[in-house]
Amino acid sequence: MVRAIPTMLFLVFLYYYFKLMLFGPLEKVLKQREELTAGARKSAEASLAAAERKQQEYESRFNQARAEVYRGQEETRHKWLDDQAAAVAAARAAADEQVRTAKQQIAADGGAARETLGSTSGALADEIASVMLARKATA
């Protein structure tokens, strides 16, 4: 057993030596590596979250722009419909005016024709009567 004491002391010395010289620095390097990996992971997660926020922001802006374009198209369509309705109303008013003018013209022409017919019918009747009388007288 006394012979085992130096071996034991040597093993205890080796344990502390390896712990101090090999496992300590190795543990320190592994710890740094883990911290760097965790830091890179956190950085990547932050970048991913920032990218998702930007994507949502871009989608929001895109939807707003699309809505603005649709709103502009709708306003243009309403303006076009209003212009078209105004043009139809103006054409209808012009057509109504032409019809009214034509009715007045027809009424005036009819009145003039009645007057002319009235005055010429009397003269024509007199002429027919004189021709008939002249035939009777010669017959």
C-alpha atoms as a PDB file:
ATOM      1  CA  MET A   1       0.000   0.000   0.000  1.00  0.00           C
ATOM      2  CA  VAL A   2       2.863   2.370   0.634  1.00  0.00           C
ATOM      3  CA  ARG A   3       4.024   1.716  -2.871  1.00  0.00           C
ATOM      4  CA  ALA A   4       0.646   2.818  -4.197  1.00  0.00           C
ATOM      5  CA  ILE A   5       0.905   6.259  -2.581  1.00  0.00           C
ATOM      6  CA  PRO A   6       3.283   7.712  -5.214  1.00  0.00           C
ATOM      7  CA  THR A   7       1.059   6.308  -7.983  1.00  0.00           C
ATOM      8  CA  MET A   8      -1.951   7.828  -6.331  1.00  0.00           C
ATOM      9  CA  LEU A   9      -0.205  11.160  -5.902  1.00  0.00           C
ATOM     10  CA  PHE A  10       0.881  10.962  -9.520  1.00  0.00           C
ATOM     11  CA  LEU A  11      -2.730  10.261 -10.614  1.00  0.00           C
ATOM     12  CA  VAL A  12      -4.034  13.175  -8.505  1.00  0.00           C
ATOM     13  CA  PHE A  13      -1.322  15.387  -9.995  1.00  0.00           C
ATOM     14  CA  LEU A  14      -2.239  14.209 -13.519  1.00  0.00           C
ATOM     15  CA  TYR A  15      -5.922  14.864 -12.811  1.00  0.00           C
ATOM     16  CA  TYR A  16      -5.273  18.455 -11.770  1.00  0.00           C
ATOM     17  CA  TYR A  17      -2.679  18.961 -14.502  1.00  0.00           C
ATOM     18  CA  PHE A  18      -5.052  17.747 -17.230  1.00  0.00           C
ATOM     19  CA  LYS A  19      -7.875  19.734 -15.685  1.00  0.00           C
ATOM     20  CA  LEU A  20      -5.766  22.871 -15.661  1.00  0.00           C
ATOM     21  CA  MET A  21      -3.858  22.438 -18.911  1.00  0.00           C
ATOM     22  CA  LEU A  22      -6.187  20.436 -21.153  1.00  0.00           C
ATOM     23  CA  PHE A  23      -9.769  20.369 -19.971  1.00  0.00           C
ATOM     24  CA  GLY A  24      -9.843  23.994 -18.747  1.00  0.00           C
ATOM     25  CA  PRO A  25      -8.846  25.547 -22.076  1.00  0.00           C
ATOM     26  CA  LEU A  26     -10.909  22.967 -23.947  1.00  0.00           C
ATOM     27  CA  GLU A  27     -13.954  23.822 -21.821  1.00  0.00           C
ATOM     28  CA  LYS A  28     -13.260  27.515 -22.350  1.00  0.00           C
ATOM     29  CA  VAL A  29     -13.063  27.043 -26.133  1.00  0.00           C
ATOM     30  CA  LEU A  30     -16.261  24.976 -26.137  1.00  0.00           C
ATOM     31  CA  LYS A  31     -18.003  27.611 -24.039  1.00  0.00           C
ATOM     32  CA  GLN A  32     -16.890  30.372 -26.444  1.00  0.00           C
ATOM     33  CA  ARG A  33     -18.013  28.262 -29.376  1.00  0.00           C
ATOM     34  CA  GLU A  34     -21.421  27.738 -27.754  1.00  0.00           C
ATOM     35  CA  GLU A  35     -21.737  31.467 -27.045  1.00  0.00           C
ATOM     36  CA  LEU A  36     -20.829  32.323 -30.636  1.00  0.00           C
ATOM     37  CA  THR A  37     -23.273  29.745 -31.962  1.00  0.00           C
ATOM     38  CA  ALA A  38     -26.019  31.008 -29.680  1.00  0.00           C
ATOM     39  CA  GLY A  39     -25.187  34.593 -30.689  1.00  0.00           C
ATOM     40  CA  ALA A  40     -25.305  33.668 -34.357  1.00  0.00           C
ATOM     41  CA  ARG A  41     -28.624  31.903 -33.777  1.00  0.00           C
ATOM     42  CA  LYS A  42     -30.041  34.943 -31.996  1.00  0.00           C
ATOM     43  CA  SER A  43     -28.727  37.193 -34.756  1.00  0.00           C
ATOM     44  CA  ALA A  44     -30.287  34.956 -37.394  1.00  0.00           C
ATOM     45  CA  GLU A  45     -33.604  34.929 -35.522  1.00  0.00           C
ATOM     46  CA  ALA A  46     -33.498  38.722 -35.227  1.00  0.00           C
ATOM     47  CA  SER A  47     -32.721  39.023 -38.946  1.00  0.00           C
ATOM     48  CA  LEU A  48     -35.572  36.652 -39.748  1.00  0.00           C
ATOM     49  CA  ALA A  49     -37.965  38.636 -37.546  1.00  0.00           C
ATOM     50  CA  ALA A  50     -36.821  41.887 -39.194  1.00  0.00           C
ATOM     51  CA  ALA A  51     -37.300  40.332 -42.638  1.00  0.00           C
ATOM     52  CA  GLU A  52     -40.816  39.212 -41.692  1.00  0.00           C
ATOM     53  CA  ARG A  53     -41.647  42.719 -40.423  1.00  0.00           C
ATOM     54  CA  LYS A  54     -40.350  44.235 -43.662  1.00  0.00           C
ATOM     55  CA  GLN A  55     -42.323  41.712 -45.693  1.00  0.00           C
ATOM     56  CA  GLN A  56     -45.493  42.588 -43.787  1.00  0.00           C
ATOM     57  CA  GLU A  57     -44.742  46.282 -44.264  1.00  0.00           C
ATOM     58  CA  TYR A  58     -44.199  45.794 -48.004  1.00  0.00           C
ATOM     59  CA  GLU A  59     -47.395  43.756 -48.289  1.00  0.00           C
ATOM     60  CA  SER A  60     -49.266  46.481 -46.406  1.00  0.00           C
ATOM     61  CA  ARG A  61     -47.870  49.161 -48.720  1.00  0.00           C
ATOM     62  CA  PHE A  62     -48.652  47.006 -51.757  1.00  0.00           C
ATOM     63  CA  ASN A  63     -52.238  46.529 -50.604  1.00  0.00           C
ATOM     64  CA  GLN A  64     -52.573  50.260 -49.954  1.00  0.00           C
ATOM     65  CA  ALA A  65     -51.208  51.027 -53.419  1.00  0.00           C
ATOM     66  CA  ARG A  66     -53.567  48.479 -54.968  1.00  0.00           C
ATOM     67  CA  ALA A  67     -56.510  49.988 -53.085  1.00  0.00           C
ATOM     68  CA  GLU A  68     -55.461  53.460 -54.263  1.00  0.00           C
ATOM     69  CA  VAL A  69     -55.324  52.253 -57.874  1.00  0.00           C
ATOM     70  CA  TYR A  70     -58.747  50.635 -57.538  1.00  0.00           C
ATOM     71  CA  ARG A  71     -60.098  53.821 -55.963  1.00  0.00           C
ATOM     72  CA  GLY A  72     -58.713  55.857 -58.865  1.00  0.00           C
ATOM     73  CA  GLN A  73     -60.208  53.448 -61.386  1.00  0.00           C
ATOM     74  CA  GLU A  74     -63.560  53.631 -59.620  1.00  0.00           C
ATOM     75  CA  GLU A  75     -63.469  57.446 -59.615  1.00  0.00           C
ATOM     76  CA  THR A  76     -62.586  57.445 -63.311  1.00  0.00           C
ATOM     77  CA  ARG A  77     -65.415  55.012 -64.026  1.00  0.00           C
ATOM     78  CA  HIS A  78     -67.903  57.151 -62.081  1.00  0.00           C
ATOM     79  CA  LYS A  79     -66.717  60.276 -63.888  1.00  0.00           C
ATOM     80  CA  TRP A  80     -67.046  58.495 -67.225  1.00  0.00           C
ATOM     81  CA  LEU A  81     -70.555  57.319 -66.336  1.00  0.00           C
ATOM     82  CA  ASP A  82     -71.524  60.837 -65.234  1.00  0.00           C
ATOM     83  CA  ASP A  83     -70.116  62.293 -68.452  1.00  0.00           C
ATOM     84  CA  GLN A  84     -71.942  59.661 -70.472  1.00  0.00           C
ATOM     85  CA  ALA A  85     -75.211  60.346 -68.622  1.00  0.00           C
ATOM     86  CA  ALA A  86     -74.771  64.081 -69.231  1.00  0.00           C
ATOM     87  CA  ALA A  87     -74.132  63.451 -72.943  1.00  0.00           C
ATOM     88  CA  VAL A  88     -77.226  61.231 -73.158  1.00  0.00           C
ATOM     89  CA  ALA A  89     -79.310  63.882 -71.370  1.00  0.00           C
ATOM     90  CA  ALA A  90     -78.006  66.587 -73.716  1.00  0.00           C
ATOM     91  CA  ALA A  91     -78.757  64.419 -76.767  1.00  0.00           C
ATOM     92  CA  ARG A  92     -82.231  63.648 -75.414  1.00  0.00           C
ATOM     93  CA  ALA A  93     -82.883  67.366 -74.796  1.00  0.00           C
ATOM     94  CA  ALA A  94     -81.678  68.200 -78.320  1.00  0.00           C
ATOM     95  CA  ALA A  95     -83.886  65.459 -79.791  1.00  0.00           C
ATOM     96  CA  ASP A  96     -86.882  66.674 -77.762  1.00  0.00           C
ATOM     97  CA  GLU A  97     -86.260  70.213 -79.001  1.00  0.00           C
ATOM     98  CA  GLN A  98     -86.073  68.972 -82.597  1.00  0.00           C
ATOM     99  CA  VAL A  99     -89.315  67.012 -82.140  1.00  0.00           C
ATOM    100  CA  ARG A 100     -91.028  70.060 -80.614  1.00  0.00           C
ATOM    101  CA  THR A 101     -89.770  72.281 -83.431  1.00  0.00           C
ATOM    102  CA  ALA A 102     -90.861  69.717 -86.017  1.00  0.00           C
ATOM    103  CA  LYS A 103     -94.340  69.471 -84.412  1.00  0.00           C
ATOM    104  CA  GLN A 104     -94.657  73.259 -84.473  1.00  0.00           C
ATOM    105  CA  GLN A 105     -93.528  73.324 -88.108  1.00  0.00           C
ATOM    106  CA  ILE A 106     -95.994  70.573 -89.029  1.00  0.00           C
ATOM    107  CA  ALA A 107     -98.779  72.392 -87.195  1.00  0.00           C
ATOM    108  CA  ALA A 108     -97.884  75.646 -88.964  1.00  0.00           C
ATOM    109  CA  ASP A 109     -97.675  73.877 -92.341  1.00  0.00           C
ATOM    110  CA  GLY A 110    -101.008  72.160 -91.652  1.00  0.00           C
ATOM    111  CA  GLY A 111    -102.634  75.491 -90.785  1.00  0.00           C
ATOM    112  CA  ALA A 112    -101.176  77.106 -93.896  1.00  0.00           C
ATOM    113  CA  ALA A 113    -102.357  74.177 -96.005  1.00  0.00           C
ATOM    114  CA  ARG A 114    -105.859  74.456 -94.533  1.00  0.00           C
ATOM    115  CA  GLU A 115    -105.943  78.158 -95.321  1.00  0.00           C
ATOM    116  CA  THR A 116    -104.630  77.548 -98.827  1.00  0.00           C
ATOM    117  CA  LEU A 117    -107.031  74.658 -99.291  1.00  0.00           C
ATOM    118  CA  GLY A 118    -109.900  76.775 -97.949  1.00  0.00           C
ATOM    119  CA  SER A 119    -109.154  79.667-100.294  1.00  0.00           C
ATOM    120  CA  THR A 120    -108.436  77.507-103.319  1.00  0.00           C
ATOM    121  CA  SER A 121    -111.388  75.197-102.711  1.00  0.00           C
ATOM    122  CA  GLY A 122    -113.804  78.087-103.082  1.00  0.00           C
ATOM    123  CA  ALA A 123    -112.178  79.231-106.317  1.00  0.00           C
ATOM    124  CA  LEU A 124    -112.029  75.650-107.565  1.00  0.00           C
ATOM    125  CA  ALA A 125    -115.699  75.115-106.704  1.00  0.00           C
ATOM    126  CA  ASP A 126    -116.606  78.279-108.577  1.00  0.00           C
ATOM    127  CA  GLU A 127    -114.592  77.126-111.572  1.00  0.00           C
ATOM    128  CA  ILE A 128    -116.160  73.642-111.494  1.00  0.00           C
ATOM    129  CA  ALA A 129    -119.606  75.187-111.223  1.00  0.00           C
ATOM    130  CA  SER A 130    -118.955  77.530-114.144  1.00  0.00           C
ATOM    131  CA  VAL A 131    -117.614  74.667-116.286  1.00  0.00           C
ATOM    132  CA  MET A 132    -120.650  72.556-115.435  1.00  0.00           C
ATOM    133  CA  LEU A 133    -122.970  75.413-116.197  1.00  0.00           C
ATOM    134  CA  ALA A 134    -121.167  76.082-119.431  1.00  0.00           C
ATOM    135  CA  ARG A 135    -121.608  72.451-120.428  1.00  0.00           C
ATOM    136  CA  LYS A 136    -125.281  72.532-119.567  1.00  0.00           C
ATOM    137  CA  ALA A 137    -125.715  75.691-121.536  1.00  0.00           C
ATOM    138  CA  THR A 138    -124.081  74.170-124.598  1.00  0.00           C
ATOM    139  CA  ALA A 139    -125.851  70.968-124.268  1.00  0.00           C
END
